Each structure stands twice: as C-alpha cells, then as structure tokens.
Amino acid sequence: MIQKVILVNEKDEVLGSMEKLEAHLKGALHRAFSIFIFNDQKELLIHQRAFDKYHSPGLWTNTCCSHPYPNETSLDAANRRLQEEMGMQCELIEQFSFIYKERINETIEEYELDHVFLGNSNSNPKINTEEVAAYKWISLPDLKEQMLANPNDFTIWFKIIITSYIDKFQFQ
C-alpha cells in the first residue's frame, strides 16, 4: 500500500498530499505527530525503532510517531498508530505543534509540522515487532543524561522535543 502524507504550509493549511517516501526525499513540509505516554511515576514510555525502517532504524524515540493520512485528523491518526504500533489506547491531549527541518542522511530530509500529544498509562505496550524493536519506561532526568552521553542513539525529532519543548507539556 502506498502511504501518502498531508502537505501543509507553515500555518498548517493543507496544500495536497504526496507519497511518504517522496516527501522525505524532496524535503516537502508535511504533517506529522509525536506521542508521549507517561505513567504515574512520571516515566516516559520510549521505543527503539525496528531495524528495517528506511530511516532512523534502531534509534530510540518517543512512544509513537507517524503521519496522518489525507482526510484524517492528527488526533485520529495518533490514536490509530498508538494502537497499531504499541497495542495501547489512552486519552491523548494535544500539547503544541512545531516545525523542524533536519537532514536524516544523504537522501532523507525531515521537514515536518509535528503535532505533539500527551497521554497517561500504567500499562505496558503490546508492541508490533514490524515497527518496534524494544521499549522501556524512563525518567526524564535519566533520558536527558542518556541523550547527552549517546546522542546518536536517538531520533532527531525526539532530541528536539526533549531539549527544546519538554517544558511546554501540561501535565494533569
């Protein structure tokens, strides 16, 4: 199945759609989302991306991240992918959005308007091994320490959110 992403402008207005790999090869601005699930101990659920992903394979990242399909809201897409990747459901609340543009490798460029969602769960995931190699719960201080010690072990968008935006989260 050819997966398409939603092309947007910097105001998040829809401009059309494009095949996902093509958008990443061309560096076209498109809509994405990132989910952060915390437990009651304020630990974040992170996962290691499957090793056969076409970019950022084997890197650690936030609980779940992906792209909405055309005509799908970011919240609906976030709920869908959280179930597909992590086998989880919980209430998700959008926290903020931001734009980033980063070269991932020689051919792939991420240029995304990323909607960031927060959720709470004390359940362990039931991972989809086609998407996820491993998972763990980690405190933010430990995560920040690991990111400083081994920055190349983490996805670029995850590092951006943790270093620049984590203070924007509105925990309940």
N, C-alpha and C. Protein backbone atom coordinates (compact mmCIF):
# COMPACT_ATOMS: atom_id res chain seq x y z
N MET A 1 0.83 -1.18 0.00
CA MET A 1 0.00 0.00 0.00
C MET A 1 0.88 1.25 0.00
N ILE A 2 0.59 2.17 -0.89
CA ILE A 2 1.32 3.44 -0.93
C ILE A 2 0.73 4.36 0.12
N GLN A 3 1.59 4.79 1.04
CA GLN A 3 1.13 5.68 2.11
C GLN A 3 1.40 7.12 1.71
N LYS A 4 0.37 7.96 1.80
CA LYS A 4 0.51 9.37 1.48
C LYS A 4 0.50 10.18 2.77
N VAL A 5 1.20 11.32 2.72
CA VAL A 5 1.21 12.27 3.83
C VAL A 5 0.52 13.55 3.37
N ILE A 6 0.14 14.36 4.34
CA ILE A 6 -0.55 15.62 4.06
C ILE A 6 0.49 16.74 3.95
N LEU A 7 0.56 17.36 2.79
CA LEU A 7 1.44 18.51 2.60
C LEU A 7 0.74 19.73 3.18
N VAL A 8 1.50 20.55 3.92
CA VAL A 8 0.95 21.74 4.55
C VAL A 8 1.90 22.91 4.36
N ASN A 9 1.39 24.11 4.64
CA ASN A 9 2.26 25.28 4.72
C ASN A 9 2.60 25.52 6.19
N GLU A 10 3.32 26.57 6.48
CA GLU A 10 3.76 26.82 7.85
C GLU A 10 2.61 27.19 8.79
N LYS A 11 1.43 27.49 8.24
CA LYS A 11 0.24 27.75 9.05
C LYS A 11 -0.60 26.49 9.24
N ASP A 12 -0.08 25.34 8.79
CA ASP A 12 -0.75 24.04 8.88
C ASP A 12 -1.98 23.97 7.99
N GLU A 13 -1.99 24.75 6.92
CA GLU A 13 -3.06 24.69 5.94
C GLU A 13 -2.72 23.64 4.90
N VAL A 14 -3.68 22.79 4.58
CA VAL A 14 -3.45 21.67 3.66
C VAL A 14 -3.22 22.18 2.24
N LEU A 15 -2.14 21.68 1.62
CA LEU A 15 -1.79 22.03 0.25
C LEU A 15 -2.01 20.87 -0.71
N GLY A 16 -2.14 19.67 -0.17
CA GLY A 16 -2.29 18.49 -1.01
C GLY A 16 -1.73 17.28 -0.30
N SER A 17 -1.35 16.27 -1.05
CA SER A 17 -0.75 15.07 -0.47
C SER A 17 0.38 14.58 -1.38
N MET A 18 1.20 13.72 -0.82
CA MET A 18 2.34 13.18 -1.55
C MET A 18 2.70 11.84 -0.91
N GLU A 19 3.23 10.94 -1.71
CA GLU A 19 3.70 9.66 -1.18
C GLU A 19 4.75 9.94 -0.10
N LYS A 20 4.71 9.20 0.99
CA LYS A 20 5.55 9.48 2.16
C LYS A 20 7.05 9.49 1.83
N LEU A 21 7.53 8.47 1.16
CA LEU A 21 8.96 8.43 0.84
C LEU A 21 9.35 9.60 -0.05
N GLU A 22 8.52 9.94 -1.02
CA GLU A 22 8.80 11.08 -1.90
C GLU A 22 8.90 12.38 -1.10
N ALA A 23 7.99 12.56 -0.13
CA ALA A 23 8.03 13.76 0.71
C ALA A 23 9.33 13.83 1.50
N HIS A 24 9.80 12.69 1.97
CA HIS A 24 11.06 12.66 2.72
C HIS A 24 12.27 12.86 1.80
N LEU A 25 12.19 12.37 0.58
CA LEU A 25 13.29 12.57 -0.37
C LEU A 25 13.37 14.01 -0.85
N LYS A 26 12.20 14.64 -1.03
CA LYS A 26 12.15 16.02 -1.54
C LYS A 26 12.23 17.06 -0.42
N GLY A 27 12.11 16.64 0.83
CA GLY A 27 12.09 17.60 1.93
C GLY A 27 10.87 18.49 1.89
N ALA A 28 9.71 17.91 1.56
CA ALA A 28 8.47 18.68 1.48
C ALA A 28 7.83 18.78 2.87
N LEU A 29 7.36 19.97 3.24
CA LEU A 29 6.73 20.17 4.54
C LEU A 29 5.43 19.38 4.60
N HIS A 30 5.33 18.52 5.61
CA HIS A 30 4.14 17.69 5.77
C HIS A 30 3.79 17.54 7.24
N ARG A 31 2.57 17.13 7.49
CA ARG A 31 2.03 17.00 8.84
C ARG A 31 2.49 15.67 9.45
N ALA A 32 2.86 15.75 10.72
CA ALA A 32 3.27 14.56 11.48
C ALA A 32 2.72 14.69 12.90
N PHE A 33 2.92 13.64 13.69
CA PHE A 33 2.57 13.73 15.10
C PHE A 33 3.55 12.90 15.91
N SER A 34 3.69 13.29 17.16
CA SER A 34 4.54 12.57 18.13
C SER A 34 3.73 12.40 19.41
N ILE A 35 3.75 11.19 19.95
CA ILE A 35 3.00 10.87 21.17
C ILE A 35 3.98 10.59 22.30
N PHE A 36 3.65 11.14 23.47
CA PHE A 36 4.43 10.93 24.69
C PHE A 36 3.50 10.38 25.76
N ILE A 37 3.70 9.11 26.14
CA ILE A 37 2.89 8.47 27.18
C ILE A 37 3.74 8.38 28.45
N PHE A 38 3.22 8.95 29.52
CA PHE A 38 3.86 8.88 30.83
C PHE A 38 3.03 7.99 31.75
N ASN A 39 3.70 7.36 32.71
CA ASN A 39 2.98 6.60 33.73
C ASN A 39 2.85 7.46 34.99
N ASP A 40 2.25 6.91 36.03
CA ASP A 40 2.03 7.67 37.26
C ASP A 40 3.32 7.99 38.00
N GLN A 41 4.42 7.30 37.67
CA GLN A 41 5.72 7.61 38.27
C GLN A 41 6.47 8.66 37.46
N LYS A 42 5.78 9.28 36.49
CA LYS A 42 6.35 10.31 35.60
C LYS A 42 7.48 9.76 34.73
N GLU A 43 7.40 8.45 34.42
CA GLU A 43 8.34 7.84 33.49
C GLU A 43 7.72 7.89 32.10
N LEU A 44 8.55 8.12 31.11
CA LEU A 44 8.14 8.20 29.71
C LEU A 44 8.34 6.84 29.05
N LEU A 45 7.35 6.40 28.29
CA LEU A 45 7.47 5.18 27.50
C LEU A 45 8.15 5.54 26.19
N ILE A 46 9.34 4.98 25.96
CA ILE A 46 10.06 5.20 24.71
C ILE A 46 10.23 3.86 24.00
N HIS A 47 10.50 3.94 22.71
CA HIS A 47 10.71 2.69 21.97
C HIS A 47 11.89 2.82 21.01
N GLN A 48 12.44 1.66 20.70
CA GLN A 48 13.50 1.57 19.71
C GLN A 48 12.85 1.19 18.38
N ARG A 49 13.11 2.01 17.37
CA ARG A 49 12.52 1.75 16.05
C ARG A 49 13.04 0.43 15.48
N ALA A 50 12.17 -0.26 14.76
CA ALA A 50 12.56 -1.51 14.11
C ALA A 50 13.80 -1.29 13.25
N PHE A 51 14.61 -2.31 13.13
CA PHE A 51 15.88 -2.20 12.43
C PHE A 51 15.75 -2.19 10.90
N ASP A 52 14.56 -2.48 10.38
CA ASP A 52 14.39 -2.44 8.93
C ASP A 52 13.63 -1.21 8.45
N LYS A 53 13.46 -0.19 9.30
CA LYS A 53 12.85 1.07 8.89
C LYS A 53 13.76 1.75 7.86
N TYR A 54 13.16 2.49 6.90
CA TYR A 54 14.00 3.09 5.85
C TYR A 54 14.77 4.30 6.33
N HIS A 55 14.39 4.87 7.47
CA HIS A 55 15.27 5.88 8.09
C HIS A 55 15.20 5.76 9.60
N SER A 56 16.28 6.14 10.23
CA SER A 56 16.43 6.09 11.68
C SER A 56 16.18 4.70 12.27
N PRO A 57 16.63 3.62 11.58
CA PRO A 57 16.41 2.28 12.12
C PRO A 57 17.21 2.07 13.41
N GLY A 58 16.58 1.39 14.37
CA GLY A 58 17.27 1.05 15.61
C GLY A 58 17.46 2.20 16.59
N LEU A 59 16.99 3.39 16.24
CA LEU A 59 17.15 4.53 17.15
C LEU A 59 15.99 4.57 18.14
N TRP A 60 16.27 5.12 19.32
CA TRP A 60 15.26 5.28 20.36
C TRP A 60 14.49 6.57 20.10
N THR A 61 13.20 6.53 20.40
CA THR A 61 12.34 7.68 20.15
C THR A 61 11.17 7.68 21.12
N ASN A 62 10.31 8.68 20.98
CA ASN A 62 9.14 8.81 21.85
C ASN A 62 8.20 7.63 21.66
N THR A 63 7.13 7.60 22.44
CA THR A 63 6.23 6.45 22.48
C THR A 63 5.76 6.02 21.11
N CYS A 64 5.37 6.97 20.29
CA CYS A 64 4.84 6.66 18.96
C CYS A 64 4.93 7.92 18.11
N CYS A 65 5.20 7.77 16.83
CA CYS A 65 5.24 8.91 15.92
C CYS A 65 4.93 8.42 14.52
N SER A 66 4.25 9.27 13.77
CA SER A 66 3.89 8.89 12.40
C SER A 66 3.28 10.10 11.70
N HIS A 67 2.44 9.81 10.71
CA HIS A 67 1.82 10.84 9.88
C HIS A 67 0.34 10.53 9.70
N PRO A 68 -0.52 11.55 9.75
CA PRO A 68 -1.92 11.32 9.41
C PRO A 68 -2.07 11.06 7.92
N TYR A 69 -3.07 10.28 7.58
CA TYR A 69 -3.43 10.09 6.17
C TYR A 69 -4.20 11.31 5.69
N PRO A 70 -4.26 11.53 4.38
CA PRO A 70 -5.13 12.59 3.87
C PRO A 70 -6.56 12.40 4.38
N ASN A 71 -7.20 13.48 4.77
CA ASN A 71 -8.56 13.50 5.32
C ASN A 71 -8.68 12.84 6.68
N GLU A 72 -7.58 12.68 7.41
CA GLU A 72 -7.58 12.13 8.76
C GLU A 72 -7.03 13.21 9.70
N THR A 73 -7.68 13.43 10.82
CA THR A 73 -7.16 14.41 11.76
C THR A 73 -5.90 13.87 12.44
N SER A 74 -5.10 14.77 12.99
CA SER A 74 -3.90 14.34 13.71
C SER A 74 -4.27 13.50 14.92
N LEU A 75 -5.33 13.88 15.64
CA LEU A 75 -5.75 13.10 16.81
C LEU A 75 -6.22 11.70 16.41
N ASP A 76 -7.03 11.60 15.36
CA ASP A 76 -7.47 10.27 14.91
C ASP A 76 -6.27 9.42 14.49
N ALA A 77 -5.33 10.02 13.79
CA ALA A 77 -4.13 9.30 13.36
C ALA A 77 -3.29 8.87 14.56
N ALA A 78 -3.17 9.74 15.54
CA ALA A 78 -2.39 9.40 16.73
C ALA A 78 -3.01 8.21 17.46
N ASN A 79 -4.31 8.23 17.62
CA ASN A 79 -4.99 7.10 18.26
C ASN A 79 -4.83 5.81 17.45
N ARG A 80 -4.95 5.91 16.14
CA ARG A 80 -4.79 4.74 15.26
C ARG A 80 -3.40 4.15 15.39
N ARG A 81 -2.37 5.00 15.27
CA ARG A 81 -0.99 4.50 15.29
C ARG A 81 -0.56 4.01 16.67
N LEU A 82 -1.06 4.63 17.73
CA LEU A 82 -0.73 4.15 19.07
C LEU A 82 -1.21 2.71 19.23
N GLN A 83 -2.39 2.42 18.69
CA GLN A 83 -2.91 1.04 18.74
C GLN A 83 -2.10 0.13 17.81
N GLU A 84 -1.81 0.58 16.58
CA GLU A 84 -1.09 -0.25 15.61
C GLU A 84 0.34 -0.55 16.03
N GLU A 85 1.05 0.43 16.55
CA GLU A 85 2.47 0.25 16.89
C GLU A 85 2.68 -0.32 18.29
N MET A 86 1.91 0.21 19.25
CA MET A 86 2.18 -0.12 20.65
C MET A 86 1.07 -0.97 21.30
N GLY A 87 -0.02 -1.21 20.58
CA GLY A 87 -1.11 -2.00 21.13
C GLY A 87 -1.74 -1.35 22.34
N MET A 88 -1.81 -0.02 22.35
CA MET A 88 -2.29 0.73 23.51
C MET A 88 -3.39 1.69 23.10
N GLN A 89 -4.20 2.03 24.09
CA GLN A 89 -5.18 3.10 23.96
C GLN A 89 -5.18 3.90 25.24
N CYS A 90 -5.26 5.20 25.13
CA CYS A 90 -5.44 6.09 26.27
C CYS A 90 -5.86 7.44 25.72
N GLU A 91 -6.35 8.30 26.60
CA GLU A 91 -6.74 9.63 26.15
C GLU A 91 -5.48 10.41 25.77
N LEU A 92 -5.52 11.03 24.60
CA LEU A 92 -4.41 11.84 24.12
C LEU A 92 -4.86 13.29 24.05
N ILE A 93 -4.02 14.18 24.55
CA ILE A 93 -4.31 15.61 24.54
C ILE A 93 -3.18 16.32 23.80
N GLU A 94 -3.57 17.09 22.77
CA GLU A 94 -2.55 17.82 22.02
C GLU A 94 -1.96 18.91 22.90
N GLN A 95 -0.63 19.00 22.91
CA GLN A 95 0.08 19.95 23.74
C GLN A 95 0.52 21.19 22.96
N PHE A 96 1.05 20.99 21.77
CA PHE A 96 1.58 22.07 20.94
C PHE A 96 1.98 21.47 19.61
N SER A 97 2.37 22.31 18.68
CA SER A 97 2.96 21.84 17.43
C SER A 97 4.17 22.71 17.13
N PHE A 98 5.05 22.19 16.32
CA PHE A 98 6.26 22.92 15.94
C PHE A 98 6.73 22.41 14.59
N ILE A 99 7.56 23.21 13.94
CA ILE A 99 8.12 22.82 12.64
C ILE A 99 9.62 22.59 12.81
N TYR A 100 10.08 21.53 12.21
CA TYR A 100 11.53 21.31 12.17
C TYR A 100 11.92 20.80 10.79
N LYS A 101 13.16 21.08 10.43
CA LYS A 101 13.73 20.63 9.15
C LYS A 101 15.14 20.14 9.43
N GLU A 102 15.34 18.86 9.24
CA GLU A 102 16.64 18.24 9.54
C GLU A 102 16.97 17.16 8.52
N ARG A 103 18.20 17.14 8.07
CA ARG A 103 18.67 16.08 7.20
C ARG A 103 18.92 14.85 8.05
N ILE A 104 18.34 13.72 7.66
CA ILE A 104 18.48 12.46 8.39
C ILE A 104 19.70 11.69 7.89
N ASN A 105 19.86 11.66 6.58
CA ASN A 105 21.01 11.02 5.95
C ASN A 105 21.23 11.68 4.58
N GLU A 106 21.98 11.04 3.71
CA GLU A 106 22.32 11.65 2.42
C GLU A 106 21.08 11.91 1.55
N THR A 107 20.02 11.15 1.72
CA THR A 107 18.86 11.26 0.83
C THR A 107 17.57 11.68 1.53
N ILE A 108 17.47 11.50 2.82
CA ILE A 108 16.22 11.74 3.55
C ILE A 108 16.31 13.04 4.34
N GLU A 109 15.27 13.89 4.14
CA GLU A 109 15.18 15.11 4.93
C GLU A 109 13.79 15.16 5.57
N GLU A 110 13.77 15.33 6.88
CA GLU A 110 12.51 15.51 7.60
C GLU A 110 12.18 17.00 7.62
N TYR A 111 11.03 17.34 7.10
CA TYR A 111 10.53 18.71 7.17
C TYR A 111 9.08 18.57 7.57
N GLU A 112 8.84 18.69 8.87
CA GLU A 112 7.55 18.32 9.41
C GLU A 112 6.96 19.41 10.30
N LEU A 113 5.65 19.51 10.23
CA LEU A 113 4.88 20.26 11.19
C LEU A 113 4.33 19.18 12.12
N ASP A 114 4.94 19.09 13.30
CA ASP A 114 4.72 17.98 14.22
C ASP A 114 3.75 18.38 15.33
N HIS A 115 2.62 17.67 15.40
CA HIS A 115 1.64 17.86 16.47
C HIS A 115 2.02 16.91 17.60
N VAL A 116 2.20 17.44 18.80
CA VAL A 116 2.69 16.64 19.93
C VAL A 116 1.55 16.38 20.90
N PHE A 117 1.35 15.09 21.20
CA PHE A 117 0.28 14.64 22.08
C PHE A 117 0.85 14.02 23.36
N LEU A 118 0.11 14.20 24.44
CA LEU A 118 0.47 13.66 25.75
C LEU A 118 -0.63 12.73 26.21
N GLY A 119 -0.23 11.61 26.81
CA GLY A 119 -1.18 10.67 27.38
C GLY A 119 -0.61 10.06 28.64
N ASN A 120 -1.47 9.37 29.38
CA ASN A 120 -1.06 8.71 30.63
C ASN A 120 -1.53 7.26 30.60
N SER A 121 -0.63 6.35 30.95
CA SER A 121 -0.98 4.93 31.05
C SER A 121 0.02 4.24 31.96
N ASN A 122 -0.46 3.28 32.71
CA ASN A 122 0.40 2.44 33.53
C ASN A 122 0.53 1.04 32.95
N SER A 123 0.00 0.84 31.75
CA SER A 123 0.06 -0.46 31.08
C SER A 123 1.29 -0.56 30.20
N ASN A 124 1.88 -1.74 30.15
CA ASN A 124 2.97 -1.97 29.22
C ASN A 124 2.39 -2.20 27.83
N PRO A 125 3.11 -1.78 26.80
CA PRO A 125 2.59 -1.95 25.44
C PRO A 125 2.64 -3.41 24.99
N LYS A 126 1.88 -3.68 23.95
CA LYS A 126 1.94 -4.95 23.22
C LYS A 126 2.46 -4.58 21.84
N ILE A 127 3.78 -4.56 21.70
CA ILE A 127 4.42 -3.96 20.53
C ILE A 127 4.19 -4.74 19.24
N ASN A 128 4.13 -3.99 18.16
CA ASN A 128 4.12 -4.52 16.81
C ASN A 128 5.59 -4.62 16.39
N THR A 129 6.12 -5.82 16.28
CA THR A 129 7.55 -6.00 16.03
C THR A 129 7.97 -5.57 14.62
N GLU A 130 7.02 -5.29 13.73
CA GLU A 130 7.38 -4.72 12.43
C GLU A 130 7.73 -3.24 12.56
N GLU A 131 7.31 -2.62 13.64
CA GLU A 131 7.53 -1.19 13.88
C GLU A 131 8.49 -0.92 15.03
N VAL A 132 8.49 -1.80 16.03
CA VAL A 132 9.17 -1.55 17.30
C VAL A 132 10.09 -2.72 17.64
N ALA A 133 11.37 -2.42 17.92
CA ALA A 133 12.32 -3.47 18.30
C ALA A 133 12.32 -3.71 19.81
N ALA A 134 12.12 -2.65 20.60
CA ALA A 134 12.15 -2.76 22.06
C ALA A 134 11.48 -1.53 22.64
N TYR A 135 11.18 -1.59 23.93
CA TYR A 135 10.61 -0.43 24.62
C TYR A 135 11.12 -0.41 26.05
N LYS A 136 10.99 0.76 26.69
CA LYS A 136 11.30 0.88 28.11
C LYS A 136 10.66 2.14 28.67
N TRP A 137 10.43 2.13 29.96
CA TRP A 137 9.98 3.30 30.70
C TRP A 137 11.22 3.96 31.28
N ILE A 138 11.29 5.30 31.22
CA ILE A 138 12.48 6.00 31.69
C ILE A 138 12.09 7.36 32.26
N SER A 139 12.79 7.77 33.31
CA SER A 139 12.54 9.10 33.87
C SER A 139 13.17 10.15 32.96
N LEU A 140 12.64 11.36 32.98
CA LEU A 140 13.20 12.42 32.14
C LEU A 140 14.65 12.74 32.50
N PRO A 141 15.02 12.80 33.80
CA PRO A 141 16.44 13.04 34.09
C PRO A 141 17.35 11.95 33.51
N ASP A 142 16.95 10.68 33.62
CA ASP A 142 17.76 9.60 33.05
C ASP A 142 17.82 9.69 31.53
N LEU A 143 16.69 10.02 30.91
CA LEU A 143 16.66 10.16 29.46
C LEU A 143 17.59 11.28 29.00
N LYS A 144 17.51 12.42 29.65
CA LYS A 144 18.38 13.54 29.27
C LYS A 144 19.85 13.18 29.43
N GLU A 145 20.17 12.44 30.48
CA GLU A 145 21.55 12.00 30.70
C GLU A 145 22.00 11.06 29.58
N GLN A 146 21.13 10.13 29.19
CA GLN A 146 21.47 9.21 28.10
C GLN A 146 21.61 9.94 26.77
N MET A 147 20.75 10.94 26.54
CA MET A 147 20.85 11.72 25.28
C MET A 147 22.16 12.49 25.21
N LEU A 148 22.60 13.02 26.34
CA LEU A 148 23.88 13.73 26.36
C LEU A 148 25.04 12.78 26.12
N ALA A 149 24.98 11.60 26.74
CA ALA A 149 26.07 10.64 26.64
C ALA A 149 26.12 9.96 25.27
N ASN A 150 24.94 9.70 24.68
CA ASN A 150 24.86 8.94 23.43
C ASN A 150 23.85 9.57 22.47
N PRO A 151 24.10 10.78 22.00
CA PRO A 151 23.10 11.46 21.17
C PRO A 151 22.74 10.73 19.88
N ASN A 152 23.63 9.95 19.33
CA ASN A 152 23.37 9.25 18.08
C ASN A 152 22.46 8.04 18.25
N ASP A 153 22.06 7.73 19.48
CA ASP A 153 21.15 6.62 19.74
C ASP A 153 19.68 7.03 19.65
N PHE A 154 19.40 8.32 19.40
CA PHE A 154 18.04 8.85 19.46
C PHE A 154 17.67 9.55 18.15
N THR A 155 16.37 9.53 17.82
CA THR A 155 15.91 10.20 16.61
C THR A 155 16.04 11.72 16.77
N ILE A 156 16.18 12.39 15.64
CA ILE A 156 16.38 13.84 15.66
C ILE A 156 15.17 14.57 16.24
N TRP A 157 13.95 14.18 15.85
CA TRP A 157 12.77 14.90 16.35
C TRP A 157 12.59 14.70 17.84
N PHE A 158 12.93 13.52 18.34
CA PHE A 158 12.82 13.24 19.77
C PHE A 158 13.80 14.12 20.55
N LYS A 159 15.02 14.24 20.05
CA LYS A 159 16.01 15.10 20.72
C LYS A 159 15.54 16.56 20.71
N ILE A 160 14.96 17.01 19.61
CA ILE A 160 14.47 18.39 19.53
C ILE A 160 13.38 18.62 20.57
N ILE A 161 12.43 17.72 20.66
CA ILE A 161 11.32 17.89 21.61
C ILE A 161 11.84 17.87 23.04
N ILE A 162 12.70 16.93 23.37
CA ILE A 162 13.20 16.83 24.75
C ILE A 162 14.06 18.04 25.11
N THR A 163 14.90 18.50 24.21
CA THR A 163 15.80 19.61 24.56
C THR A 163 15.14 20.98 24.45
N SER A 164 14.15 21.13 23.55
CA SER A 164 13.59 22.47 23.31
C SER A 164 12.14 22.67 23.72
N TYR A 165 11.39 21.59 23.89
CA TYR A 165 9.95 21.75 24.08
C TYR A 165 9.36 21.04 25.29
N ILE A 166 10.12 20.24 26.00
CA ILE A 166 9.55 19.42 27.08
C ILE A 166 8.88 20.29 28.15
N ASP A 167 9.35 21.51 28.34
CA ASP A 167 8.75 22.40 29.34
C ASP A 167 7.36 22.88 28.94
N LYS A 168 6.95 22.67 27.69
CA LYS A 168 5.62 23.07 27.24
C LYS A 168 4.54 22.06 27.62
N PHE A 169 4.93 20.86 28.06
CA PHE A 169 3.95 19.85 28.42
C PHE A 169 3.13 20.30 29.61
N GLN A 170 1.81 20.12 29.50
CA GLN A 170 0.88 20.46 30.58
C GLN A 170 0.41 19.15 31.23
N PHE A 171 1.15 18.72 32.26
CA PHE A 171 0.77 17.50 32.97
C PHE A 171 -0.42 17.78 33.88
N GLN A 172 -1.31 16.79 33.97
CA GLN A 172 -2.50 16.97 34.80
C GLN A 172 -2.31 16.40 36.18
